[in-house]
Amino acid sequence: MKNFFCAGMFLGILLAVSSSAVAAEYPWELKKDQDGIRVSVRKVEGSSILEYKGTVVVNASLESVVRLFGDNGRMPEWFHQCAEARLIKANTPEDEVLYFVISMPWPVQDRDLVFRRVRSKDPTTGVVEYRSSALAKVYPEQAGKVRMPYSKGLWRFTPLADGRTEIYYQQHGEVGGHIPAWLVNNLTVNIPFNSLSRFRKLLLNAQS
């Protein structure tokens, strides 16, 4: 039984679906399919916060997509409600620790997140992935912010044969503090949809 449990957790990490393999039992529910962007949500075992994912195909090369995504200082330009994003530490060019602030509507306090982001590339397919996980205790808590205790995410960039790139984004987290779950879950569509929409727009503007 112990070996089976460990194997299940290892598979869950590889798929980056959630904090536990059990979450894979919940089906995705399509919430928005608009302007080429599809957003789905699902329940996560032991959490009142929904997990979300979004996909879009952009008319940009993989190199252009990765270049923009890796420019941490530009994240507030495209990530929904991001007020600040900056590098804390670069262990290697592929392994970074970032600080991220999410602006919340009044009277809810802003949230901040410290997370490790690891980049990998499949030498055969060319697919680039960024996997992130929260490191809540490695950076001092900031005045006026509530630290998010948990977050796990995946960004996957897949080069297509026609020169375009498919973007896949998946995320689940706990916001910390006292905030109604329904308020957080109301953002589970807006965050991926608006982020992907703005990211695509910046890519297109760079080509014009």
N, C-alpha and C. Protein backbone atom coordinates (compact mmCIF):
# COMPACT_ATOMS: atom_id res chain seq x y z
N MET A 1 0.84 -1.20 0.00
CA MET A 1 0.00 0.00 0.00
C MET A 1 0.88 1.26 0.00
N LYS A 2 1.95 1.23 0.79
CA LYS A 2 2.83 2.39 0.86
C LYS A 2 3.46 2.68 -0.50
N ASN A 3 3.92 1.63 -1.19
CA ASN A 3 4.52 1.81 -2.51
C ASN A 3 3.51 2.35 -3.51
N PHE A 4 2.28 1.88 -3.41
CA PHE A 4 1.23 2.35 -4.32
C PHE A 4 0.95 3.83 -4.11
N PHE A 5 0.90 4.26 -2.85
CA PHE A 5 0.65 5.68 -2.55
C PHE A 5 1.77 6.56 -3.08
N CYS A 6 3.01 6.14 -2.89
CA CYS A 6 4.15 6.92 -3.36
C CYS A 6 4.15 7.02 -4.88
N ALA A 7 3.80 5.91 -5.54
CA ALA A 7 3.76 5.92 -7.01
C ALA A 7 2.68 6.87 -7.50
N GLY A 8 1.55 6.92 -6.78
CA GLY A 8 0.47 7.82 -7.18
C GLY A 8 0.88 9.27 -7.04
N MET A 9 1.59 9.59 -5.97
CA MET A 9 2.05 10.97 -5.78
C MET A 9 3.06 11.36 -6.85
N PHE A 10 3.94 10.43 -7.19
CA PHE A 10 4.95 10.72 -8.22
C PHE A 10 4.28 11.00 -9.55
N LEU A 11 3.26 10.22 -9.90
CA LEU A 11 2.54 10.44 -11.14
C LEU A 11 1.84 11.79 -11.12
N GLY A 12 1.28 12.15 -9.96
CA GLY A 12 0.60 13.44 -9.87
C GLY A 12 1.53 14.60 -10.11
N ILE A 13 2.76 14.50 -9.61
CA ILE A 13 3.75 15.55 -9.82
C ILE A 13 4.11 15.66 -11.29
N LEU A 14 4.29 14.51 -11.94
CA LEU A 14 4.65 14.52 -13.35
C LEU A 14 3.58 15.18 -14.19
N LEU A 15 2.34 14.95 -13.86
CA LEU A 15 1.24 15.53 -14.63
C LEU A 15 0.93 16.95 -14.21
N ALA A 16 1.44 17.37 -13.05
CA ALA A 16 1.21 18.72 -12.50
C ALA A 16 -0.26 19.05 -12.45
N VAL A 17 -1.06 18.09 -12.00
CA VAL A 17 -2.49 18.32 -11.98
C VAL A 17 -2.97 18.98 -10.69
N SER A 18 -2.32 18.66 -9.56
CA SER A 18 -2.75 19.27 -8.31
C SER A 18 -1.82 18.81 -7.21
N SER A 19 -2.21 19.07 -5.98
CA SER A 19 -1.38 18.67 -4.86
C SER A 19 -1.48 17.18 -4.56
N SER A 20 -2.45 16.49 -5.15
CA SER A 20 -2.57 15.05 -4.92
C SER A 20 -3.15 14.39 -6.14
N ALA A 21 -2.80 13.10 -6.31
CA ALA A 21 -3.27 12.37 -7.48
C ALA A 21 -4.77 12.16 -7.44
N VAL A 22 -5.39 12.24 -6.23
CA VAL A 22 -6.82 12.04 -6.10
C VAL A 22 -7.60 13.06 -6.92
N ALA A 23 -7.05 14.26 -7.08
CA ALA A 23 -7.75 15.32 -7.79
C ALA A 23 -8.03 14.95 -9.23
N ALA A 24 -7.29 13.99 -9.78
CA ALA A 24 -7.50 13.58 -11.16
C ALA A 24 -8.87 12.93 -11.34
N GLU A 25 -9.52 12.52 -10.24
CA GLU A 25 -10.82 11.88 -10.32
C GLU A 25 -11.92 12.88 -10.65
N TYR A 26 -11.70 14.15 -10.41
CA TYR A 26 -12.71 15.15 -10.70
C TYR A 26 -12.60 15.59 -12.15
N PRO A 27 -13.71 15.63 -12.87
CA PRO A 27 -13.66 16.01 -14.29
C PRO A 27 -13.54 17.52 -14.48
N TRP A 28 -12.92 17.90 -15.57
CA TRP A 28 -12.87 19.31 -15.94
C TRP A 28 -14.22 19.75 -16.47
N GLU A 29 -14.60 20.98 -16.15
CA GLU A 29 -15.85 21.57 -16.65
C GLU A 29 -15.52 22.83 -17.45
N LEU A 30 -15.86 22.80 -18.73
CA LEU A 30 -15.59 23.96 -19.58
C LEU A 30 -16.45 25.14 -19.14
N LYS A 31 -15.81 26.26 -18.84
CA LYS A 31 -16.52 27.44 -18.36
C LYS A 31 -16.56 28.56 -19.39
N LYS A 32 -15.57 28.61 -20.27
CA LYS A 32 -15.54 29.68 -21.25
C LYS A 32 -14.81 29.22 -22.49
N ASP A 33 -15.40 29.49 -23.64
CA ASP A 33 -14.80 29.17 -24.93
C ASP A 33 -15.07 30.38 -25.83
N GLN A 34 -14.12 31.30 -25.84
CA GLN A 34 -14.34 32.59 -26.51
C GLN A 34 -13.04 33.11 -27.11
N ASP A 35 -13.14 33.62 -28.31
CA ASP A 35 -12.00 34.26 -28.97
C ASP A 35 -10.77 33.34 -29.03
N GLY A 36 -11.02 32.05 -29.22
CA GLY A 36 -9.92 31.10 -29.35
C GLY A 36 -9.31 30.64 -28.03
N ILE A 37 -9.87 31.08 -26.91
CA ILE A 37 -9.36 30.72 -25.58
C ILE A 37 -10.39 29.84 -24.88
N ARG A 38 -9.94 28.70 -24.37
CA ARG A 38 -10.82 27.78 -23.65
C ARG A 38 -10.35 27.71 -22.19
N VAL A 39 -11.31 27.85 -21.27
CA VAL A 39 -11.01 27.81 -19.84
C VAL A 39 -11.91 26.78 -19.17
N SER A 40 -11.30 25.90 -18.38
CA SER A 40 -12.04 24.89 -17.64
C SER A 40 -11.63 24.92 -16.18
N VAL A 41 -12.52 24.44 -15.31
CA VAL A 41 -12.23 24.37 -13.87
C VAL A 41 -12.62 22.99 -13.36
N ARG A 42 -12.11 22.66 -12.18
CA ARG A 42 -12.52 21.42 -11.52
C ARG A 42 -12.25 21.52 -10.02
N LYS A 43 -12.92 20.66 -9.28
CA LYS A 43 -12.71 20.57 -7.84
C LYS A 43 -11.38 19.88 -7.55
N VAL A 44 -10.84 20.19 -6.38
CA VAL A 44 -9.61 19.55 -5.90
C VAL A 44 -9.90 18.96 -4.52
N GLU A 45 -9.52 17.72 -4.34
CA GLU A 45 -9.75 17.04 -3.07
C GLU A 45 -9.16 17.82 -1.90
N GLY A 46 -9.99 18.07 -0.89
CA GLY A 46 -9.52 18.73 0.31
C GLY A 46 -9.40 20.24 0.22
N SER A 47 -9.86 20.83 -0.87
CA SER A 47 -9.77 22.28 -1.05
C SER A 47 -11.10 22.85 -1.49
N SER A 48 -11.41 24.04 -0.98
CA SER A 48 -12.63 24.73 -1.42
C SER A 48 -12.38 25.61 -2.64
N ILE A 49 -11.11 25.69 -3.05
CA ILE A 49 -10.72 26.51 -4.19
C ILE A 49 -10.61 25.64 -5.44
N LEU A 50 -11.20 26.10 -6.53
CA LEU A 50 -11.16 25.35 -7.78
C LEU A 50 -9.80 25.46 -8.47
N GLU A 51 -9.45 24.43 -9.18
CA GLU A 51 -8.29 24.46 -10.06
C GLU A 51 -8.75 24.90 -11.44
N TYR A 52 -7.89 25.59 -12.17
CA TYR A 52 -8.29 26.03 -13.51
C TYR A 52 -7.21 25.73 -14.54
N LYS A 53 -7.63 25.71 -15.79
CA LYS A 53 -6.68 25.58 -16.90
C LYS A 53 -7.21 26.37 -18.08
N GLY A 54 -6.28 26.85 -18.90
CA GLY A 54 -6.66 27.61 -20.09
C GLY A 54 -5.72 27.26 -21.24
N THR A 55 -6.25 27.31 -22.45
CA THR A 55 -5.45 27.03 -23.63
C THR A 55 -5.73 28.04 -24.73
N VAL A 56 -4.71 28.31 -25.53
CA VAL A 56 -4.87 29.19 -26.69
C VAL A 56 -3.72 28.89 -27.66
N VAL A 57 -3.98 29.08 -28.94
CA VAL A 57 -2.94 28.96 -29.96
C VAL A 57 -2.63 30.37 -30.45
N VAL A 58 -1.37 30.75 -30.44
CA VAL A 58 -0.97 32.10 -30.82
C VAL A 58 -0.16 32.08 -32.11
N ASN A 59 -0.28 33.15 -32.86
CA ASN A 59 0.48 33.29 -34.11
C ASN A 59 1.87 33.86 -33.81
N ALA A 60 2.64 33.08 -33.10
CA ALA A 60 3.99 33.49 -32.72
C ALA A 60 4.84 32.25 -32.54
N SER A 61 6.12 32.40 -32.76
CA SER A 61 7.04 31.28 -32.63
C SER A 61 7.24 30.92 -31.17
N LEU A 62 7.71 29.72 -30.94
CA LEU A 62 8.03 29.28 -29.58
C LEU A 62 9.05 30.22 -28.94
N GLU A 63 10.05 30.63 -29.71
CA GLU A 63 11.09 31.51 -29.18
C GLU A 63 10.50 32.83 -28.69
N SER A 64 9.56 33.39 -29.45
CA SER A 64 8.94 34.66 -29.05
C SER A 64 8.11 34.49 -27.78
N VAL A 65 7.40 33.38 -27.70
CA VAL A 65 6.57 33.11 -26.53
C VAL A 65 7.43 32.97 -25.28
N VAL A 66 8.48 32.17 -25.37
CA VAL A 66 9.35 31.94 -24.22
C VAL A 66 10.07 33.22 -23.81
N ARG A 67 10.45 34.03 -24.78
CA ARG A 67 11.14 35.28 -24.48
C ARG A 67 10.24 36.21 -23.66
N LEU A 68 9.00 36.35 -24.07
CA LEU A 68 8.08 37.22 -23.35
C LEU A 68 7.75 36.65 -21.97
N PHE A 69 7.50 35.36 -21.92
CA PHE A 69 7.15 34.73 -20.64
C PHE A 69 8.30 34.84 -19.64
N GLY A 70 9.51 34.71 -20.11
CA GLY A 70 10.66 34.76 -19.22
C GLY A 70 11.07 36.15 -18.78
N ASP A 71 10.43 37.19 -19.34
CA ASP A 71 10.71 38.57 -18.94
C ASP A 71 9.85 38.89 -17.72
N ASN A 72 10.36 38.57 -16.54
CA ASN A 72 9.56 38.66 -15.31
C ASN A 72 9.01 40.06 -15.05
N GLY A 73 9.77 41.07 -15.39
CA GLY A 73 9.32 42.43 -15.14
C GLY A 73 8.10 42.84 -15.93
N ARG A 74 7.78 42.10 -17.00
CA ARG A 74 6.63 42.44 -17.83
C ARG A 74 5.36 41.69 -17.43
N MET A 75 5.45 40.85 -16.44
CA MET A 75 4.27 40.08 -16.04
C MET A 75 3.07 40.95 -15.67
N PRO A 76 3.25 42.10 -15.00
CA PRO A 76 2.09 42.94 -14.70
C PRO A 76 1.38 43.44 -15.96
N GLU A 77 2.05 43.41 -17.10
CA GLU A 77 1.43 43.86 -18.34
C GLU A 77 0.38 42.88 -18.85
N TRP A 78 0.53 41.61 -18.48
CA TRP A 78 -0.38 40.62 -19.05
C TRP A 78 -1.05 39.69 -18.04
N PHE A 79 -0.44 39.43 -16.90
CA PHE A 79 -1.07 38.50 -15.95
C PHE A 79 -2.17 39.23 -15.19
N HIS A 80 -3.34 38.63 -15.15
CA HIS A 80 -4.52 39.26 -14.57
C HIS A 80 -4.31 39.64 -13.11
N GLN A 81 -4.48 40.93 -12.80
CA GLN A 81 -4.39 41.49 -11.46
C GLN A 81 -2.99 41.40 -10.84
N CYS A 82 -1.99 41.18 -11.67
CA CYS A 82 -0.62 41.18 -11.15
C CYS A 82 -0.15 42.62 -10.98
N ALA A 83 0.20 42.99 -9.75
CA ALA A 83 0.66 44.34 -9.46
C ALA A 83 2.18 44.44 -9.46
N GLU A 84 2.85 43.32 -9.22
CA GLU A 84 4.31 43.32 -9.16
C GLU A 84 4.83 41.91 -9.39
N ALA A 85 5.94 41.80 -10.07
CA ALA A 85 6.61 40.52 -10.26
C ALA A 85 8.10 40.78 -10.40
N ARG A 86 8.89 40.07 -9.63
CA ARG A 86 10.34 40.28 -9.72
C ARG A 86 11.10 39.04 -9.28
N LEU A 87 12.31 38.96 -9.76
CA LEU A 87 13.19 37.85 -9.44
C LEU A 87 13.79 38.04 -8.04
N ILE A 88 13.73 37.00 -7.23
CA ILE A 88 14.39 37.01 -5.92
C ILE A 88 15.75 36.34 -6.01
N LYS A 89 15.77 35.21 -6.70
CA LYS A 89 17.00 34.44 -6.77
C LYS A 89 16.99 33.56 -8.01
N ALA A 90 18.13 33.49 -8.69
CA ALA A 90 18.29 32.58 -9.82
C ALA A 90 19.27 31.50 -9.42
N ASN A 91 18.75 30.31 -9.14
CA ASN A 91 19.63 29.18 -8.82
C ASN A 91 20.44 28.79 -10.06
N THR A 92 19.74 28.76 -11.19
CA THR A 92 20.33 28.58 -12.52
C THR A 92 19.43 29.34 -13.47
N PRO A 93 19.81 29.50 -14.75
CA PRO A 93 18.90 30.15 -15.70
C PRO A 93 17.56 29.43 -15.83
N GLU A 94 17.52 28.16 -15.50
CA GLU A 94 16.28 27.38 -15.63
C GLU A 94 15.56 27.20 -14.29
N ASP A 95 16.11 27.70 -13.22
CA ASP A 95 15.56 27.47 -11.89
C ASP A 95 15.59 28.79 -11.12
N GLU A 96 14.42 29.41 -10.97
CA GLU A 96 14.34 30.74 -10.37
C GLU A 96 13.34 30.78 -9.22
N VAL A 97 13.55 31.73 -8.31
CA VAL A 97 12.61 32.02 -7.24
C VAL A 97 12.07 33.42 -7.49
N LEU A 98 10.75 33.56 -7.55
CA LEU A 98 10.11 34.82 -7.91
C LEU A 98 9.19 35.32 -6.81
N TYR A 99 9.00 36.63 -6.78
CA TYR A 99 8.04 37.27 -5.89
C TYR A 99 6.94 37.88 -6.75
N PHE A 100 5.69 37.69 -6.34
CA PHE A 100 4.54 38.02 -7.18
C PHE A 100 3.44 38.61 -6.30
N VAL A 101 2.85 39.73 -6.70
CA VAL A 101 1.78 40.37 -5.94
C VAL A 101 0.50 40.38 -6.77
N ILE A 102 -0.59 39.94 -6.15
CA ILE A 102 -1.90 39.93 -6.80
C ILE A 102 -2.77 41.00 -6.17
N SER A 103 -3.23 41.93 -6.97
CA SER A 103 -4.11 43.00 -6.50
C SER A 103 -5.53 42.46 -6.34
N MET A 104 -6.09 42.61 -5.14
CA MET A 104 -7.44 42.12 -4.86
C MET A 104 -8.41 43.30 -4.70
N PRO A 105 -9.68 43.09 -5.03
CA PRO A 105 -10.66 44.17 -4.89
C PRO A 105 -10.91 44.53 -3.43
N TRP A 106 -11.06 45.83 -3.16
CA TRP A 106 -11.36 46.30 -1.81
C TRP A 106 -12.64 45.65 -1.31
N PRO A 107 -12.73 45.26 -0.04
CA PRO A 107 -11.79 45.51 1.06
C PRO A 107 -10.81 44.35 1.30
N VAL A 108 -10.69 43.43 0.36
CA VAL A 108 -9.81 42.28 0.52
C VAL A 108 -8.35 42.72 0.37
N GLN A 109 -7.49 42.26 1.27
CA GLN A 109 -6.08 42.60 1.18
C GLN A 109 -5.41 41.93 -0.03
N ASP A 110 -4.43 42.62 -0.58
CA ASP A 110 -3.66 42.03 -1.67
C ASP A 110 -2.95 40.77 -1.19
N ARG A 111 -2.76 39.84 -2.12
CA ARG A 111 -2.03 38.61 -1.84
C ARG A 111 -0.66 38.66 -2.49
N ASP A 112 0.32 38.03 -1.84
CA ASP A 112 1.60 37.87 -2.50
C ASP A 112 2.01 36.40 -2.46
N LEU A 113 2.91 36.06 -3.35
CA LEU A 113 3.30 34.68 -3.54
C LEU A 113 4.79 34.62 -3.84
N VAL A 114 5.47 33.74 -3.15
CA VAL A 114 6.87 33.44 -3.45
C VAL A 114 6.89 32.03 -4.00
N PHE A 115 7.46 31.86 -5.18
CA PHE A 115 7.42 30.54 -5.78
C PHE A 115 8.68 30.23 -6.57
N ARG A 116 8.97 28.94 -6.63
CA ARG A 116 10.07 28.45 -7.43
C ARG A 116 9.52 28.05 -8.80
N ARG A 117 10.20 28.46 -9.86
CA ARG A 117 9.77 28.14 -11.22
C ARG A 117 10.92 27.45 -11.96
N VAL A 118 10.66 26.24 -12.42
CA VAL A 118 11.69 25.43 -13.07
C VAL A 118 11.32 25.21 -14.54
N ARG A 119 12.25 25.51 -15.40
CA ARG A 119 12.03 25.36 -16.83
C ARG A 119 12.67 24.07 -17.34
N SER A 120 11.98 23.41 -18.28
CA SER A 120 12.53 22.22 -18.93
C SER A 120 12.11 22.24 -20.40
N LYS A 121 12.88 21.53 -21.23
CA LYS A 121 12.58 21.46 -22.66
C LYS A 121 12.77 20.03 -23.14
N ASP A 122 11.79 19.52 -23.85
CA ASP A 122 11.87 18.19 -24.42
C ASP A 122 12.72 18.25 -25.68
N PRO A 123 13.85 17.56 -25.73
CA PRO A 123 14.74 17.66 -26.88
C PRO A 123 14.15 17.08 -28.16
N THR A 124 13.14 16.24 -28.03
CA THR A 124 12.53 15.61 -29.20
C THR A 124 11.39 16.45 -29.78
N THR A 125 10.47 16.88 -28.92
CA THR A 125 9.30 17.62 -29.38
C THR A 125 9.51 19.13 -29.38
N GLY A 126 10.49 19.60 -28.60
CA GLY A 126 10.71 21.04 -28.48
C GLY A 126 9.78 21.71 -27.49
N VAL A 127 8.91 20.94 -26.84
CA VAL A 127 7.96 21.50 -25.88
C VAL A 127 8.71 22.07 -24.67
N VAL A 128 8.35 23.30 -24.30
CA VAL A 128 8.95 23.95 -23.14
C VAL A 128 7.92 24.02 -22.02
N GLU A 129 8.33 23.62 -20.81
CA GLU A 129 7.44 23.67 -19.66
C GLU A 129 8.07 24.47 -18.53
N TYR A 130 7.22 25.20 -17.82
CA TYR A 130 7.60 25.89 -16.59
C TYR A 130 6.68 25.37 -15.50
N ARG A 131 7.27 24.72 -14.49
CA ARG A 131 6.50 24.22 -13.36
C ARG A 131 6.82 25.07 -12.13
N SER A 132 5.79 25.46 -11.42
CA SER A 132 5.99 26.34 -10.27
C SER A 132 5.36 25.76 -9.02
N SER A 133 5.95 26.08 -7.87
CA SER A 133 5.41 25.67 -6.57
C SER A 133 5.78 26.71 -5.53
N ALA A 134 4.86 26.95 -4.59
CA ALA A 134 5.05 28.00 -3.60
C ALA A 134 6.16 27.66 -2.62
N LEU A 135 6.89 28.71 -2.23
CA LEU A 135 7.91 28.63 -1.18
C LEU A 135 7.60 29.75 -0.18
N ALA A 136 6.54 29.55 0.57
CA ALA A 136 5.99 30.63 1.38
C ALA A 136 6.95 31.18 2.42
N LYS A 137 7.88 30.39 2.91
CA LYS A 137 8.70 30.79 4.05
C LYS A 137 10.10 31.30 3.69
N VAL A 138 10.45 31.34 2.43
CA VAL A 138 11.84 31.68 2.08
C VAL A 138 12.06 33.18 1.89
N TYR A 139 10.98 33.97 2.01
CA TYR A 139 11.09 35.41 1.82
C TYR A 139 10.22 36.10 2.86
N PRO A 140 10.70 37.18 3.49
CA PRO A 140 9.94 37.83 4.56
C PRO A 140 8.55 38.28 4.11
N GLU A 141 7.59 38.15 5.00
CA GLU A 141 6.25 38.64 4.71
C GLU A 141 6.28 40.16 4.61
N GLN A 142 5.48 40.69 3.70
CA GLN A 142 5.48 42.11 3.41
C GLN A 142 4.27 42.81 4.02
N ALA A 143 4.46 44.03 4.48
CA ALA A 143 3.37 44.79 5.10
C ALA A 143 2.23 45.00 4.11
N GLY A 144 1.02 44.79 4.60
CA GLY A 144 -0.16 45.02 3.78
C GLY A 144 -0.50 43.90 2.81
N LYS A 145 0.27 42.78 2.87
CA LYS A 145 0.04 41.65 1.98
C LYS A 145 -0.22 40.40 2.80
N VAL A 146 -1.06 39.52 2.25
CA VAL A 146 -1.29 38.21 2.85
C VAL A 146 -0.58 37.19 1.99
N ARG A 147 0.29 36.41 2.60
CA ARG A 147 1.10 35.44 1.87
C ARG A 147 0.27 34.21 1.49
N MET A 148 0.29 33.84 0.24
CA MET A 148 -0.35 32.61 -0.21
C MET A 148 0.48 31.41 0.25
N PRO A 149 -0.12 30.47 0.99
CA PRO A 149 0.67 29.36 1.54
C PRO A 149 0.92 28.23 0.57
N TYR A 150 0.11 28.14 -0.47
CA TYR A 150 0.24 27.00 -1.39
C TYR A 150 -0.12 27.42 -2.81
N SER A 151 0.64 26.95 -3.76
CA SER A 151 0.35 27.16 -5.17
C SER A 151 1.15 26.17 -5.99
N LYS A 152 0.54 25.63 -7.02
CA LYS A 152 1.24 24.74 -7.94
C LYS A 152 0.71 25.05 -9.33
N GLY A 153 1.63 25.27 -10.27
CA GLY A 153 1.20 25.64 -11.61
C GLY A 153 2.05 25.02 -12.70
N LEU A 154 1.52 25.09 -13.90
CA LEU A 154 2.20 24.58 -15.08
C LEU A 154 1.90 25.46 -16.28
N TRP A 155 2.94 25.89 -16.95
CA TRP A 155 2.83 26.54 -18.25
C TRP A 155 3.52 25.62 -19.26
N ARG A 156 2.82 25.30 -20.35
CA ARG A 156 3.41 24.44 -21.37
C ARG A 156 3.28 25.13 -22.74
N PHE A 157 4.40 25.25 -23.43
CA PHE A 157 4.44 25.89 -24.74
C PHE A 157 4.82 24.83 -25.78
N THR A 158 3.90 24.56 -26.70
CA THR A 158 4.10 23.51 -27.69
C THR A 158 4.23 24.12 -29.08
N PRO A 159 5.39 23.95 -29.73
CA PRO A 159 5.54 24.48 -31.09
C PRO A 159 4.72 23.66 -32.09
N LEU A 160 4.01 24.33 -32.98
CA LEU A 160 3.19 23.66 -33.97
C LEU A 160 3.87 23.69 -35.34
N ALA A 161 3.43 22.80 -36.21
CA ALA A 161 4.10 22.64 -37.51
C ALA A 161 3.98 23.89 -38.39
N ASP A 162 2.95 24.69 -38.17
CA ASP A 162 2.73 25.88 -39.00
C ASP A 162 3.42 27.12 -38.45
N GLY A 163 4.28 26.95 -37.45
CA GLY A 163 5.01 28.09 -36.89
C GLY A 163 4.32 28.76 -35.73
N ARG A 164 3.09 28.35 -35.43
CA ARG A 164 2.39 28.90 -34.29
C ARG A 164 2.76 28.12 -33.02
N THR A 165 2.23 28.58 -31.87
CA THR A 165 2.54 27.94 -30.60
C THR A 165 1.26 27.76 -29.79
N GLU A 166 1.10 26.57 -29.23
CA GLU A 166 -0.02 26.32 -28.33
C GLU A 166 0.43 26.62 -26.90
N ILE A 167 -0.37 27.40 -26.18
CA ILE A 167 -0.08 27.74 -24.78
C ILE A 167 -1.10 27.05 -23.88
N TYR A 168 -0.59 26.36 -22.88
CA TYR A 168 -1.43 25.67 -21.90
C TYR A 168 -1.03 26.16 -20.51
N TYR A 169 -2.03 26.56 -19.73
CA TYR A 169 -1.77 27.10 -18.39
C TYR A 169 -2.69 26.43 -17.39
N GLN A 170 -2.14 25.91 -16.30
CA GLN A 170 -2.91 25.22 -15.27
C GLN A 170 -2.43 25.66 -13.89
N GLN A 171 -3.38 25.89 -12.98
CA GLN A 171 -3.00 26.44 -11.67
C GLN A 171 -3.98 26.03 -10.59
N HIS A 172 -3.46 25.80 -9.41
CA HIS A 172 -4.29 25.65 -8.21
C HIS A 172 -3.53 26.23 -7.04
N GLY A 173 -4.24 26.93 -6.14
CA GLY A 173 -3.58 27.53 -5.00
C GLY A 173 -4.55 27.80 -3.86
N GLU A 174 -3.98 28.11 -2.71
CA GLU A 174 -4.74 28.56 -1.55
C GLU A 174 -4.30 29.98 -1.25
N VAL A 175 -5.28 30.88 -1.09
CA VAL A 175 -4.96 32.31 -1.02
C VAL A 175 -4.54 32.77 0.37
N GLY A 176 -4.82 31.99 1.40
CA GLY A 176 -4.45 32.40 2.75
C GLY A 176 -5.39 33.44 3.33
N GLY A 177 -5.31 33.63 4.64
CA GLY A 177 -6.15 34.64 5.29
C GLY A 177 -7.62 34.25 5.29
N HIS A 178 -8.45 35.24 5.57
CA HIS A 178 -9.90 35.02 5.65
C HIS A 178 -10.56 35.67 4.43
N ILE A 179 -10.92 34.84 3.48
CA ILE A 179 -11.56 35.32 2.27
C ILE A 179 -12.51 34.23 1.78
N PRO A 180 -13.77 34.58 1.44
CA PRO A 180 -14.73 33.56 1.03
C PRO A 180 -14.26 32.81 -0.21
N ALA A 181 -14.47 31.50 -0.20
CA ALA A 181 -14.05 30.67 -1.33
C ALA A 181 -14.75 31.10 -2.61
N TRP A 182 -16.02 31.53 -2.50
CA TRP A 182 -16.76 31.91 -3.70
C TRP A 182 -16.12 33.10 -4.39
N LEU A 183 -15.53 34.01 -3.60
CA LEU A 183 -14.90 35.18 -4.18
C LEU A 183 -13.65 34.78 -4.97
N VAL A 184 -12.88 33.87 -4.40
CA VAL A 184 -11.69 33.38 -5.08
C VAL A 184 -12.08 32.60 -6.33
N ASN A 185 -13.09 31.76 -6.21
CA ASN A 185 -13.51 30.93 -7.34
C ASN A 185 -14.10 31.75 -8.48
N ASN A 186 -14.58 32.95 -8.17
CA ASN A 186 -15.06 33.84 -9.23
C ASN A 186 -13.93 34.27 -10.16
N LEU A 187 -12.69 34.17 -9.66
CA LEU A 187 -11.53 34.58 -10.46
C LEU A 187 -10.96 33.45 -11.29
N THR A 188 -11.44 32.22 -11.08
CA THR A 188 -10.82 31.08 -11.73
C THR A 188 -11.06 31.04 -13.24
N VAL A 189 -11.96 31.85 -13.73
CA VAL A 189 -12.15 31.98 -15.18
C VAL A 189 -11.43 33.24 -15.67
N ASN A 190 -11.58 34.32 -14.93
CA ASN A 190 -10.98 35.59 -15.36
C ASN A 190 -9.46 35.54 -15.41
N ILE A 191 -8.84 34.87 -14.44
CA ILE A 191 -7.37 34.84 -14.41
C ILE A 191 -6.79 34.20 -15.66
N PRO A 192 -7.14 32.96 -15.99
CA PRO A 192 -6.54 32.37 -17.20
C PRO A 192 -7.00 33.04 -18.48
N PHE A 193 -8.28 33.41 -18.56
CA PHE A 193 -8.77 34.01 -19.81
C PHE A 193 -8.11 35.35 -20.09
N ASN A 194 -8.13 36.24 -19.11
CA ASN A 194 -7.56 37.57 -19.33
C ASN A 194 -6.04 37.51 -19.48
N SER A 195 -5.40 36.64 -18.73
CA SER A 195 -3.94 36.52 -18.83
C SER A 195 -3.53 36.04 -20.22
N LEU A 196 -4.19 35.01 -20.72
CA LEU A 196 -3.86 34.49 -22.04
C LEU A 196 -4.20 35.49 -23.13
N SER A 197 -5.31 36.20 -22.96
CA SER A 197 -5.70 37.20 -23.95
C SER A 197 -4.68 38.33 -24.04
N ARG A 198 -4.24 38.83 -22.90
CA ARG A 198 -3.27 39.93 -22.89
C ARG A 198 -1.89 39.47 -23.35
N PHE A 199 -1.54 38.25 -22.97
CA PHE A 199 -0.25 37.70 -23.41
C PHE A 199 -0.22 37.60 -24.93
N ARG A 200 -1.29 37.11 -25.51
CA ARG A 200 -1.39 37.00 -26.97
C ARG A 200 -1.32 38.38 -27.63
N LYS A 201 -1.97 39.35 -27.05
CA LYS A 201 -1.97 40.69 -27.60
C LYS A 201 -0.56 41.29 -27.62
N LEU A 202 0.19 41.08 -26.54
CA LEU A 202 1.56 41.59 -26.49
C LEU A 202 2.43 40.92 -27.55
N LEU A 203 2.20 39.64 -27.79
CA LEU A 203 2.96 38.95 -28.82
C LEU A 203 2.66 39.52 -30.20
N LEU A 204 1.39 39.78 -30.45
CA LEU A 204 0.99 40.32 -31.75
C LEU A 204 1.52 41.74 -31.93
N ASN A 205 1.48 42.54 -30.86
CA ASN A 205 2.01 43.91 -30.95
C ASN A 205 3.49 43.93 -31.25
N ALA A 206 4.21 42.94 -30.72
CA ALA A 206 5.65 42.87 -30.94
C ALA A 206 5.99 42.55 -32.39
N GLN A 207 5.05 41.94 -33.10
CA GLN A 207 5.28 41.56 -34.48
C GLN A 207 4.86 42.64 -35.47
N SER A 208 4.07 43.60 -34.99
CA SER A 208 3.54 44.64 -35.89
C SER A 208 4.54 45.78 -36.09
